Amino acid sequence: MRKVKNSGLRNASLALAGITLIFAVASESFAHSGTQEEQDACTPDVFRYCSAQIPNEERIVACLNRHLAKLSPACRSVMSGGPATRKSREAR
């Protein structure tokens, strides 16, 4: 039992690290770093569609791009550089 808990904590830690790093890689294509709001927008979609890619941030970004049509509106906007992304850039 303890191994399962430790494994679960390890996986959760890796997932959070991967999600945090997603936007460091994605920022190259967006020409800005991911804000907390942008990370929050895509976290559920990362777990839903791309959990097998965690913690490899390049593969997560590629996975999100492959599933663009299925993403939540907020994450789709972040990934495509839409209004939510522009709004967060303007707020800085």
PDB file of N, CA and C in Angstrom:
ATOM      1  N   MET A   1       0.810  -1.198   0.000  1.00  0.00           N
ATOM      2  CA  MET A   1       0.000   0.000   0.000  1.00  0.00           C
ATOM      3  C   MET A   1       0.854   1.263   0.000  1.00  0.00           C
ATOM      4  N   ARG A   2       1.864   1.278   0.815  1.00  0.00           N
ATOM      5  CA  ARG A   2       2.695   2.475   0.905  1.00  0.00           C
ATOM      6  C   ARG A   2       3.357   2.791  -0.431  1.00  0.00           C
ATOM      7  N   LYS A   3       3.773   1.754  -1.160  1.00  0.00           N
ATOM      8  CA  LYS A   3       4.387   1.968  -2.465  1.00  0.00           C
ATOM      9  C   LYS A   3       3.421   2.672  -3.406  1.00  0.00           C
ATOM     10  N   VAL A   4       2.179   2.284  -3.373  1.00  0.00           N
ATOM     11  CA  VAL A   4       1.178   2.894  -4.236  1.00  0.00           C
ATOM     12  C   VAL A   4       1.032   4.378  -3.905  1.00  0.00           C
ATOM     13  N   LYS A   5       0.973   4.699  -2.612  1.00  0.00           N
ATOM     14  CA  LYS A   5       0.847   6.103  -2.216  1.00  0.00           C
ATOM     15  C   LYS A   5       2.058   6.894  -2.668  1.00  0.00           C
ATOM     16  N   ASN A   6       3.256   6.359  -2.434  1.00  0.00           N
ATOM     17  CA  ASN A   6       4.469   7.051  -2.859  1.00  0.00           C
ATOM     18  C   ASN A   6       4.498   7.205  -4.368  1.00  0.00           C
ATOM     19  N   SER A   7       4.084   6.172  -5.067  1.00  0.00           N
ATOM     20  CA  SER A   7       4.045   6.234  -6.525  1.00  0.00           C
ATOM     21  C   SER A   7       3.045   7.297  -6.981  1.00  0.00           C
ATOM     22  N   GLY A   8       1.912   7.358  -6.315  1.00  0.00           N
ATOM     23  CA  GLY A   8       0.904   8.361  -6.654  1.00  0.00           C
ATOM     24  C   GLY A   8       1.403   9.775  -6.406  1.00  0.00           C
ATOM     25  N   LEU A   9       2.083   9.967  -5.285  1.00  0.00           N
ATOM     26  CA  LEU A   9       2.647  11.289  -4.986  1.00  0.00           C
ATOM     27  C   LEU A   9       3.720  11.652  -5.993  1.00  0.00           C
ATOM     28  N   ARG A  10       4.533  10.672  -6.351  1.00  0.00           N
ATOM     29  CA  ARG A  10       5.592  10.915  -7.335  1.00  0.00           C
ATOM     30  C   ARG A  10       4.972  11.307  -8.675  1.00  0.00           C
ATOM     31  N   ASN A  11       3.959  10.563  -9.099  1.00  0.00           N
ATOM     32  CA  ASN A  11       3.298  10.872 -10.373  1.00  0.00           C
ATOM     33  C   ASN A  11       2.645  12.251 -10.341  1.00  0.00           C
ATOM     34  N   ALA A  12       2.025  12.588  -9.226  1.00  0.00           N
ATOM     35  CA  ALA A  12       1.393  13.903  -9.109  1.00  0.00           C
ATOM     36  C   ALA A  12       2.443  15.010  -9.162  1.00  0.00           C
ATOM     37  N   SER A  13       3.563  14.785  -8.491  1.00  0.00           N
ATOM     38  CA  SER A  13       4.643  15.782  -8.519  1.00  0.00           C
ATOM     39  C   SER A  13       5.196  15.945  -9.921  1.00  0.00           C
ATOM     40  N   LEU A  14       5.401  14.824 -10.605  1.00  0.00           N
ATOM     41  CA  LEU A  14       5.895  14.889 -11.981  1.00  0.00           C
ATOM     42  C   LEU A  14       4.889  15.590 -12.886  1.00  0.00           C
ATOM     43  N   ALA A  15       3.617  15.309 -12.670  1.00  0.00           N
ATOM     44  CA  ALA A  15       2.578  15.937 -13.486  1.00  0.00           C
ATOM     45  C   ALA A  15       2.583  17.450 -13.297  1.00  0.00           C
ATOM     46  N   LEU A  16       2.650  17.887 -12.050  1.00  0.00           N
ATOM     47  CA  LEU A  16       2.670  19.329 -11.794  1.00  0.00           C
ATOM     48  C   LEU A  16       3.917  19.982 -12.376  1.00  0.00           C
ATOM     49  N   ALA A  17       5.044  19.302 -12.245  1.00  0.00           N
ATOM     50  CA  ALA A  17       6.274  19.843 -12.827  1.00  0.00           C
ATOM     51  C   ALA A  17       6.149  19.926 -14.344  1.00  0.00           C
ATOM     52  N   GLY A  18       5.583  18.876 -14.929  1.00  0.00           N
ATOM     53  CA  GLY A  18       5.405  18.858 -16.381  1.00  0.00           C
ATOM     54  C   GLY A  18       4.479  19.956 -16.858  1.00  0.00           C
ATOM     55  N   ILE A  19       3.385  20.134 -16.153  1.00  0.00           N
ATOM     56  CA  ILE A  19       2.420  21.161 -16.539  1.00  0.00           C
ATOM     57  C   ILE A  19       3.038  22.547 -16.414  1.00  0.00           C
ATOM     58  N   THR A  20       3.790  22.749 -15.345  1.00  0.00           N
ATOM     59  CA  THR A  20       4.451  24.040 -15.166  1.00  0.00           C
ATOM     60  C   THR A  20       5.422  24.308 -16.300  1.00  0.00           C
ATOM     61  N   LEU A  21       6.127  23.261 -16.713  1.00  0.00           N
ATOM     62  CA  LEU A  21       7.126  23.423 -17.762  1.00  0.00           C
ATOM     63  C   LEU A  21       6.524  23.478 -19.159  1.00  0.00           C
ATOM     64  N   ILE A  22       5.305  23.017 -19.308  1.00  0.00           N
ATOM     65  CA  ILE A  22       4.644  23.062 -20.617  1.00  0.00           C
ATOM     66  C   ILE A  22       4.731  24.460 -21.200  1.00  0.00           C
ATOM     67  N   PHE A  23       4.429  25.413 -20.369  1.00  0.00           N
ATOM     68  CA  PHE A  23       4.329  26.771 -20.859  1.00  0.00           C
ATOM     69  C   PHE A  23       5.680  27.423 -21.090  1.00  0.00           C
ATOM     70  N   ALA A  24       6.717  26.856 -20.502  1.00  0.00           N
ATOM     71  CA  ALA A  24       8.058  27.338 -20.831  1.00  0.00           C
ATOM     72  C   ALA A  24       8.370  26.979 -22.275  1.00  0.00           C
ATOM     73  N   VAL A  25       7.994  25.763 -22.681  1.00  0.00           N
ATOM     74  CA  VAL A  25       8.205  25.325 -24.062  1.00  0.00           C
ATOM     75  C   VAL A  25       7.209  26.008 -24.983  1.00  0.00           C
ATOM     76  N   ALA A  26       5.956  26.046 -24.572  1.00  0.00           N
ATOM     77  CA  ALA A  26       4.922  26.661 -25.405  1.00  0.00           C
ATOM     78  C   ALA A  26       5.190  28.145 -25.596  1.00  0.00           C
ATOM     79  N   SER A  27       5.860  28.751 -24.645  1.00  0.00           N
ATOM     80  CA  SER A  27       6.096  30.190 -24.739  1.00  0.00           C
ATOM     81  C   SER A  27       6.928  30.554 -25.954  1.00  0.00           C
ATOM     82  N   GLU A  28       7.759  29.626 -26.413  1.00  0.00           N
ATOM     83  CA  GLU A  28       8.543  29.906 -27.609  1.00  0.00           C
ATOM     84  C   GLU A  28       7.621  30.166 -28.793  1.00  0.00           C
ATOM     85  N   SER A  29       6.564  29.392 -28.905  1.00  0.00           N
ATOM     86  CA  SER A  29       5.651  29.590 -30.023  1.00  0.00           C
ATOM     87  C   SER A  29       4.715  30.772 -29.784  1.00  0.00           C
ATOM     88  N   PHE A  30       4.461  31.111 -28.533  1.00  0.00           N
ATOM     89  CA  PHE A  30       3.587  32.240 -28.229  1.00  0.00           C
ATOM     90  C   PHE A  30       4.366  33.528 -28.009  1.00  0.00           C
ATOM     91  N   ALA A  31       5.671  33.438 -27.930  1.00  0.00           N
ATOM     92  CA  ALA A  31       6.552  34.578 -27.660  1.00  0.00           C
ATOM     93  C   ALA A  31       6.246  35.224 -26.311  1.00  0.00           C
ATOM     94  N   HIS A  32       5.764  34.453 -25.356  1.00  0.00           N
ATOM     95  CA  HIS A  32       5.603  34.918 -23.983  1.00  0.00           C
ATOM     96  C   HIS A  32       5.552  33.711 -23.068  1.00  0.00           C
ATOM     97  N   SER A  33       5.776  33.928 -21.796  1.00  0.00           N
ATOM     98  CA  SER A  33       5.709  32.809 -20.865  1.00  0.00           C
ATOM     99  C   SER A  33       4.272  32.623 -20.416  1.00  0.00           C
ATOM    100  N   GLY A  34       3.937  31.391 -20.074  1.00  0.00           N
ATOM    101  CA  GLY A  34       2.582  31.092 -19.641  1.00  0.00           C
ATOM    102  C   GLY A  34       2.289  31.693 -18.280  1.00  0.00           C
ATOM    103  N   THR A  35       1.164  32.343 -18.186  1.00  0.00           N
ATOM    104  CA  THR A  35       0.741  32.902 -16.903  1.00  0.00           C
ATOM    105  C   THR A  35       0.083  31.799 -16.086  1.00  0.00           C
ATOM    106  N   GLN A  36      -0.144  32.068 -14.823  1.00  0.00           N
ATOM    107  CA  GLN A  36      -0.841  31.104 -13.977  1.00  0.00           C
ATOM    108  C   GLN A  36      -2.237  30.838 -14.547  1.00  0.00           C
ATOM    109  N   GLU A  37      -2.884  31.885 -15.052  1.00  0.00           N
ATOM    110  CA  GLU A  37      -4.222  31.741 -15.638  1.00  0.00           C
ATOM    111  C   GLU A  37      -4.189  30.784 -16.842  1.00  0.00           C
ATOM    112  N   GLU A  38      -3.161  30.907 -17.675  1.00  0.00           N
ATOM    113  CA  GLU A  38      -3.034  30.034 -18.845  1.00  0.00           C
ATOM    114  C   GLU A  38      -2.756  28.596 -18.423  1.00  0.00           C
ATOM    115  N   GLN A  39      -1.915  28.430 -17.415  1.00  0.00           N
ATOM    116  CA  GLN A  39      -1.637  27.088 -16.918  1.00  0.00           C
ATOM    117  C   GLN A  39      -2.907  26.470 -16.350  1.00  0.00           C
ATOM    118  N   ASP A  40      -3.652  27.252 -15.575  1.00  0.00           N
ATOM    119  CA  ASP A  40      -4.906  26.763 -15.001  1.00  0.00           C
ATOM    120  C   ASP A  40      -5.899  26.367 -16.090  1.00  0.00           C
ATOM    121  N   ALA A  41      -5.896  27.107 -17.193  1.00  0.00           N
ATOM    122  CA  ALA A  41      -6.826  26.825 -18.290  1.00  0.00           C
ATOM    123  C   ALA A  41      -6.553  25.467 -18.924  1.00  0.00           C
ATOM    124  N   CYS A  42      -5.294  25.065 -18.990  1.00  0.00           N
ATOM    125  CA  CYS A  42      -4.941  23.835 -19.714  1.00  0.00           C
ATOM    126  C   CYS A  42      -4.696  22.614 -18.837  1.00  0.00           C
ATOM    127  N   THR A  43      -4.545  22.794 -17.539  1.00  0.00           N
ATOM    128  CA  THR A  43      -4.244  21.656 -16.671  1.00  0.00           C
ATOM    129  C   THR A  43      -5.248  20.511 -16.816  1.00  0.00           C
ATOM    130  N   PRO A  44      -6.561  20.764 -16.776  1.00  0.00           N
ATOM    131  CA  PRO A  44      -7.499  19.642 -16.925  1.00  0.00           C
ATOM    132  C   PRO A  44      -7.360  18.923 -18.273  1.00  0.00           C
ATOM    133  N   ASP A  45      -7.089  19.682 -19.334  1.00  0.00           N
ATOM    134  CA  ASP A  45      -6.935  19.076 -20.657  1.00  0.00           C
ATOM    135  C   ASP A  45      -5.654  18.252 -20.745  1.00  0.00           C
ATOM    136  N   VAL A  46      -4.607  18.697 -20.075  1.00  0.00           N
ATOM    137  CA  VAL A  46      -3.370  17.911 -20.056  1.00  0.00           C
ATOM    138  C   VAL A  46      -3.649  16.558 -19.418  1.00  0.00           C
ATOM    139  N   PHE A  47      -4.340  16.554 -18.275  1.00  0.00           N
ATOM    140  CA  PHE A  47      -4.652  15.286 -17.625  1.00  0.00           C
ATOM    141  C   PHE A  47      -5.613  14.447 -18.465  1.00  0.00           C
ATOM    142  N   ARG A  48      -6.558  15.078 -19.120  1.00  0.00           N
ATOM    143  CA  ARG A  48      -7.565  14.358 -19.896  1.00  0.00           C
ATOM    144  C   ARG A  48      -6.975  13.730 -21.156  1.00  0.00           C
ATOM    145  N   TYR A  49      -6.188  14.468 -21.905  1.00  0.00           N
ATOM    146  CA  TYR A  49      -5.728  14.005 -23.213  1.00  0.00           C
ATOM    147  C   TYR A  49      -4.249  13.637 -23.282  1.00  0.00           C
ATOM    148  N   CYS A  50      -3.443  14.152 -22.382  1.00  0.00           N
ATOM    149  CA  CYS A  50      -1.990  14.040 -22.557  1.00  0.00           C
ATOM    150  C   CYS A  50      -1.259  13.503 -21.334  1.00  0.00           C
ATOM    151  N   SER A  51      -1.963  12.851 -20.428  1.00  0.00           N
ATOM    152  CA  SER A  51      -1.309  12.399 -19.198  1.00  0.00           C
ATOM    153  C   SER A  51      -0.161  11.429 -19.465  1.00  0.00           C
ATOM    154  N   ALA A  52      -0.232  10.679 -20.549  1.00  0.00           N
ATOM    155  CA  ALA A  52       0.847   9.734 -20.874  1.00  0.00           C
ATOM    156  C   ALA A  52       2.129  10.463 -21.268  1.00  0.00           C
ATOM    157  N   GLN A  53       2.020  11.740 -21.588  1.00  0.00           N
ATOM    158  CA  GLN A  53       3.190  12.515 -22.020  1.00  0.00           C
ATOM    159  C   GLN A  53       3.895  13.213 -20.851  1.00  0.00           C
ATOM    160  N   ILE A  54       3.265  13.248 -19.695  1.00  0.00           N
ATOM    161  CA  ILE A  54       3.840  13.905 -18.520  1.00  0.00           C
ATOM    162  C   ILE A  54       5.054  13.105 -18.069  1.00  0.00           C
ATOM    163  N   PRO A  55       6.181  13.716 -17.802  1.00  0.00           N
ATOM    164  CA  PRO A  55       6.497  15.126 -17.639  1.00  0.00           C
ATOM    165  C   PRO A  55       7.194  15.758 -18.849  1.00  0.00           C
ATOM    166  N   ASN A  56       7.167  15.112 -20.011  1.00  0.00           N
ATOM    167  CA  ASN A  56       7.877  15.630 -21.192  1.00  0.00           C
ATOM    168  C   ASN A  56       7.090  16.795 -21.789  1.00  0.00           C
ATOM    169  N   GLU A  57       7.533  18.008 -21.494  1.00  0.00           N
ATOM    170  CA  GLU A  57       6.760  19.184 -21.887  1.00  0.00           C
ATOM    171  C   GLU A  57       6.630  19.354 -23.395  1.00  0.00           C
ATOM    172  N   GLU A  58       7.653  18.986 -24.150  1.00  0.00           N
ATOM    173  CA  GLU A  58       7.540  19.088 -25.618  1.00  0.00           C
ATOM    174  C   GLU A  58       6.448  18.164 -26.140  1.00  0.00           C
ATOM    175  N   ARG A  59       6.392  16.963 -25.590  1.00  0.00           N
ATOM    176  CA  ARG A  59       5.362  16.012 -26.018  1.00  0.00           C
ATOM    177  C   ARG A  59       3.978  16.448 -25.553  1.00  0.00           C
ATOM    178  N   ILE A  60       3.900  17.090 -24.395  1.00  0.00           N
ATOM    179  CA  ILE A  60       2.607  17.588 -23.907  1.00  0.00           C
ATOM    180  C   ILE A  60       2.081  18.677 -24.836  1.00  0.00           C
ATOM    181  N   VAL A  61       2.938  19.607 -25.209  1.00  0.00           N
ATOM    182  CA  VAL A  61       2.522  20.683 -26.117  1.00  0.00           C
ATOM    183  C   VAL A  61       2.082  20.097 -27.451  1.00  0.00           C
ATOM    184  N   ALA A  62       2.854  19.134 -27.972  1.00  0.00           N
ATOM    185  CA  ALA A  62       2.481  18.489 -29.237  1.00  0.00           C
ATOM    186  C   ALA A  62       1.141  17.773 -29.095  1.00  0.00           C
ATOM    187  N   CYS A  63       0.942  17.109 -27.967  1.00  0.00           N
ATOM    188  CA  CYS A  63      -0.317  16.403 -27.714  1.00  0.00           C
ATOM    189  C   CYS A  63      -1.486  17.384 -27.658  1.00  0.00           C
ATOM    190  N   LEU A  64      -1.313  18.482 -26.944  1.00  0.00           N
ATOM    191  CA  LEU A  64      -2.383  19.483 -26.876  1.00  0.00           C
ATOM    192  C   LEU A  64      -2.702  20.028 -28.264  1.00  0.00           C
ATOM    193  N   ASN A  65      -1.680  20.248 -29.059  1.00  0.00           N
ATOM    194  CA  ASN A  65      -1.913  20.729 -30.427  1.00  0.00           C
ATOM    195  C   ASN A  65      -2.649  19.691 -31.268  1.00  0.00           C
ATOM    196  N   ARG A  66      -2.349  18.403 -31.073  1.00  0.00           N
ATOM    197  CA  ARG A  66      -3.060  17.340 -31.802  1.00  0.00           C
ATOM    198  C   ARG A  66      -4.530  17.279 -31.400  1.00  0.00           C
ATOM    199  N   HIS A  67      -4.828  17.612 -30.153  1.00  0.00           N
ATOM    200  CA  HIS A  67      -6.199  17.538 -29.638  1.00  0.00           C
ATOM    201  C   HIS A  67      -6.876  18.907 -29.590  1.00  0.00           C
ATOM    202  N   LEU A  68      -6.371  19.848 -30.333  1.00  0.00           N
ATOM    203  CA  LEU A  68      -6.844  21.234 -30.264  1.00  0.00           C
ATOM    204  C   LEU A  68      -8.366  21.352 -30.354  1.00  0.00           C
ATOM    205  N   ALA A  69      -8.980  20.610 -31.245  1.00  0.00           N
ATOM    206  CA  ALA A  69     -10.435  20.705 -31.428  1.00  0.00           C
ATOM    207  C   ALA A  69     -11.208  20.190 -30.215  1.00  0.00           C
ATOM    208  N   LYS A  70     -10.579  19.334 -29.395  1.00  0.00           N
ATOM    209  CA  LYS A  70     -11.251  18.747 -28.237  1.00  0.00           C
ATOM    210  C   LYS A  70     -11.005  19.530 -26.949  1.00  0.00           C
ATOM    211  N   LEU A  71     -10.063  20.463 -26.970  1.00  0.00           N
ATOM    212  CA  LEU A  71      -9.691  21.175 -25.750  1.00  0.00           C
ATOM    213  C   LEU A  71     -10.814  22.082 -25.270  1.00  0.00           C
ATOM    214  N   SER A  72     -10.769  22.383 -23.985  1.00  0.00           N
ATOM    215  CA  SER A  72     -11.723  23.348 -23.434  1.00  0.00           C
ATOM    216  C   SER A  72     -11.519  24.682 -24.152  1.00  0.00           C
ATOM    217  N   PRO A  73     -12.550  25.498 -24.227  1.00  0.00           N
ATOM    218  CA  PRO A  73     -12.396  26.787 -24.914  1.00  0.00           C
ATOM    219  C   PRO A  73     -11.236  27.624 -24.363  1.00  0.00           C
ATOM    220  N   ALA A  74     -11.059  27.619 -23.056  1.00  0.00           N
ATOM    221  CA  ALA A  74      -9.983  28.425 -22.462  1.00  0.00           C
ATOM    222  C   ALA A  74      -8.611  27.917 -22.886  1.00  0.00           C
ATOM    223  N   CYS A  75      -8.406  26.608 -22.850  1.00  0.00           N
ATOM    224  CA  CYS A  75      -7.111  26.046 -23.237  1.00  0.00           C
ATOM    225  C   CYS A  75      -6.891  26.196 -24.739  1.00  0.00           C
ATOM    226  N   ARG A  76      -7.937  26.006 -25.513  1.00  0.00           N
ATOM    227  CA  ARG A  76      -7.819  26.174 -26.965  1.00  0.00           C
ATOM    228  C   ARG A  76      -7.371  27.598 -27.294  1.00  0.00           C
ATOM    229  N   SER A  77      -7.915  28.557 -26.567  1.00  0.00           N
ATOM    230  CA  SER A  77      -7.524  29.949 -26.771  1.00  0.00           C
ATOM    231  C   SER A  77      -6.051  30.162 -26.415  1.00  0.00           C
ATOM    232  N   VAL A  78      -5.609  29.554 -25.327  1.00  0.00           N
ATOM    233  CA  VAL A  78      -4.202  29.663 -24.930  1.00  0.00           C
ATOM    234  C   VAL A  78      -3.309  29.046 -25.991  1.00  0.00           C
ATOM    235  N   MET A  79      -3.657  27.853 -26.447  1.00  0.00           N
ATOM    236  CA  MET A  79      -2.806  27.130 -27.395  1.00  0.00           C
ATOM    237  C   MET A  79      -2.781  27.793 -28.765  1.00  0.00           C
ATOM    238  N   SER A  80      -3.858  28.473 -29.123  1.00  0.00           N
ATOM    239  CA  SER A  80      -3.897  29.103 -30.444  1.00  0.00           C
ATOM    240  C   SER A  80      -3.543  30.589 -30.391  1.00  0.00           C
ATOM    241  N   GLY A  81      -3.205  31.082 -29.205  1.00  0.00           N
ATOM    242  CA  GLY A  81      -2.841  32.494 -29.076  1.00  0.00           C
ATOM    243  C   GLY A  81      -4.027  33.415 -29.228  1.00  0.00           C
ATOM    244  N   GLY A  82      -5.202  32.952 -28.820  1.00  0.00           N
ATOM    245  CA  GLY A  82      -6.441  33.704 -28.994  1.00  0.00           C
ATOM    246  C   GLY A  82      -6.619  34.842 -28.010  1.00  0.00           C
ATOM    247  N   PRO A  83      -7.852  35.346 -27.900  1.00  0.00           N
ATOM    248  CA  PRO A  83      -8.150  36.525 -27.081  1.00  0.00           C
ATOM    249  C   PRO A  83      -7.728  36.395 -25.622  1.00  0.00           C
ATOM    250  N   ALA A  84      -7.911  35.233 -25.015  1.00  0.00           N
ATOM    251  CA  ALA A  84      -7.517  35.069 -23.610  1.00  0.00           C
ATOM    252  C   ALA A  84      -6.019  35.255 -23.456  1.00  0.00           C
ATOM    253  N   THR A  85      -5.267  34.781 -24.420  1.00  0.00           N
ATOM    254  CA  THR A  85      -3.814  34.935 -24.376  1.00  0.00           C
ATOM    255  C   THR A  85      -3.435  36.394 -24.554  1.00  0.00           C
ATOM    256  N   ARG A  86      -4.057  37.058 -25.505  1.00  0.00           N
ATOM    257  CA  ARG A  86      -3.771  38.483 -25.717  1.00  0.00           C
ATOM    258  C   ARG A  86      -4.146  39.295 -24.480  1.00  0.00           C
ATOM    259  N   LYS A  87      -5.291  38.966 -23.869  1.00  0.00           N
ATOM    260  CA  LYS A  87      -5.750  39.683 -22.682  1.00  0.00           C
ATOM    261  C   LYS A  87      -4.737  39.537 -21.548  1.00  0.00           C
ATOM    262  N   SER A  88      -4.213  38.321 -21.350  1.00  0.00           N
ATOM    263  CA  SER A  88      -3.250  38.128 -20.265  1.00  0.00           C
ATOM    264  C   SER A  88      -1.947  38.851 -20.559  1.00  0.00           C
ATOM    265  N   ARG A  89      -1.566  38.958 -21.827  1.00  0.00           N
ATOM    266  CA  ARG A  89      -0.354  39.698 -22.197  1.00  0.00           C
ATOM    267  C   ARG A  89      -0.541  41.187 -21.934  1.00  0.00           C
ATOM    268  N   GLU A  90      -1.738  41.698 -22.250  1.00  0.00           N
ATOM    269  CA  GLU A  90      -2.010  43.122 -22.065  1.00  0.00           C
ATOM    270  C   GLU A  90      -2.056  43.493 -20.588  1.00  0.00           C
ATOM    271  N   ALA A  91      -2.431  42.533 -19.741  1.00  0.00           N
ATOM    272  CA  ALA A  91      -2.538  42.795 -18.309  1.00  0.00           C
ATOM    273  C   ALA A  91      -1.170  42.939 -17.653  1.00  0.00           C
ATOM    274  N   ARG A  92      -0.131  42.489 -18.312  1.00  0.00           N
ATOM    275  CA  ARG A  92       1.211  42.559 -17.715  1.00  0.00           C
ATOM    276  C   ARG A  92       1.793  43.926 -17.749  1.00  0.00           C
TER     277      ARG A  92
END
